[in-house]
Amino acid sequence: MIFRRRRNGALIQIVGRSLASRSRDGWPREGSPEWLALSRRPSSSLESLEPVSVANAMGYSARPLLKRQKIMHPIKESIQSETKKPSRSDGVNRLLNFKMTPRQVKHKLDQSVIGQTEAKKAIAVAISEHYHHARKCLENPALMHRHFHKQNILLFGPSGTGKTTLLQAAAEIANAPFVKADATKFSATGFVGHDVQEVLTQLIDIAQKDIDTARFGIIYFDEIDKICDKPTGILGGGLHGSVNTRDVQTALLRLMEDYEMPLVQKSSTSSMHDFSPRTFSTKHILFIFSGAFQHTDSREQIPRLQSAHDFVHLGLLPEFVGRCPIRVSLKDLSVSDLKHILARPSDVSPLSRYVDAFANHGVTFTFDDDALDLIAQRAHGHRLGARGLLTETEKTLRHFSYHLPCCATLGLTHFHLDRETVADPKLTLHRILCAYNLDDDDDDSDFANCDNAVLRPAVQIEEK
């Protein structure tokens, strides 16, 4: 009995020892010497053999051999499988599909942030150019070694003007890895604190270890004004003149350049044919910095903060300012802007939390423009920007959040917030409690009994 097989292009003949060792269909019987010999050969398979009849025992079969899959040497096959080009990740595919124009990016930002038109335009242009550059680099890797002028951004303006929200929305639009860090938590090497290189590790982790995606990510450093090298404390913060000033700026400056961070290998036993990158380059990362740049004792912004010299005078290194070519000022939110934030039917509005909270107990929560006007005016007086809205809405609706769920079990289905309720929330709440024969269990209640409450028809109560 003869079996023919091809191995590395050479025709191999295997001669059976006896006809008794083969089955009727011409294949070796399981357990026979021929079967054992074939099963022990590396990269061998019985399916790659073709039986030849005994009449053609000399190997001169006129019938052509069937086309079979080429069998490769096991070592060569292992090398080829390790060096096989991997498929593109989901993150790379998202970057390759980025086609948005700056106008389209700004339109998306308008849905998340109120006002700040100039800042939106600057960020929209930077985001669009950055990720179009990323797409071209992924399509043609040779472009990654060419010089590229990054549009690093420096935002400055009062607290609560939407700097963080604006950048988070921009990262979501680009669908790219985004890391936010507080500049005051970093220190010079050898001192207590975090190292600036930790943000690169966080960026890689957010990208799920996808280096090709992480290298085009966004890193945002907030409170950059708190590490200005001004021992006189013109900007406040209490950290000026310490190790968290010039040394930290120098470390951040190194990241903005073409810095190569060594990557820790998984183990010393990794494959010799593993061609994954050994370093992580920051050449194509977009860096964004922000700070209030205000006096320590007031919300007033330092005047004439326009030119690069003004930022150098406040304590930023000239090289640092020079690598942030886009410098945009964010202005205080007006009363109209704050009211617009409250009226938006989205998670941006602080009132959306109360709509969901009351709905959990079967209570419909509504409000009118007069109530929003008063809340916005009071929030503007705090001079905290959009954060002042959180303070005023919580102050107005705190006790309603506590008592209305209990009233809902007794038949309350609708609560309407009007201007009178914002002006005097305790009086409105006491009226609702009296309508359902409930007492205010607070010890410091201003009302002794229901007879002292002034009833107003502005608050609607619906009974089941």
Foldseek 3Di string as FASTA:
>chain_A
DWKWADAPRDIDIDDDPDPVQADPVQAGDPPDPVNVVQVPDPQGDSVRIDGDDPVCVVVPDPDDDDDDDYGYDPVVVVLCVQLPDDDDDPLLVLLLPDDDALVRQLVQLVLFAFDPSVVSSLLSHLLNVLSVLLNVCVVPVVCVPDADQHQAAEEAAFAQLCPVRSVVSSCVVSVAQEEEDELQQDFAPPDPGDHPCVRLVVLCVSVVVPLSRSLQEEYEYEALLLQFQDVVQQPHDPCHPHRSHPRSLVRVLCLLDFDWAADDDPDPPDDPSNPPDRTHTNSSYHYYYYHHCPGPPDSDHDPPPDDLVNVVVSGHDSSSSVSNPHYGYRYADDLVRLLVQCPDCDPSHPCVVVQVLCVVLQAHEEEDSQQSSVLSVQLVVVVNHNVSSVVLVCVLCVVVSVPVSVVSVQFFRYWYDYNVCSVPVLLVVLQSCVVSVHDDPDPPRPDDDDVPRDDDPPTDGGGD
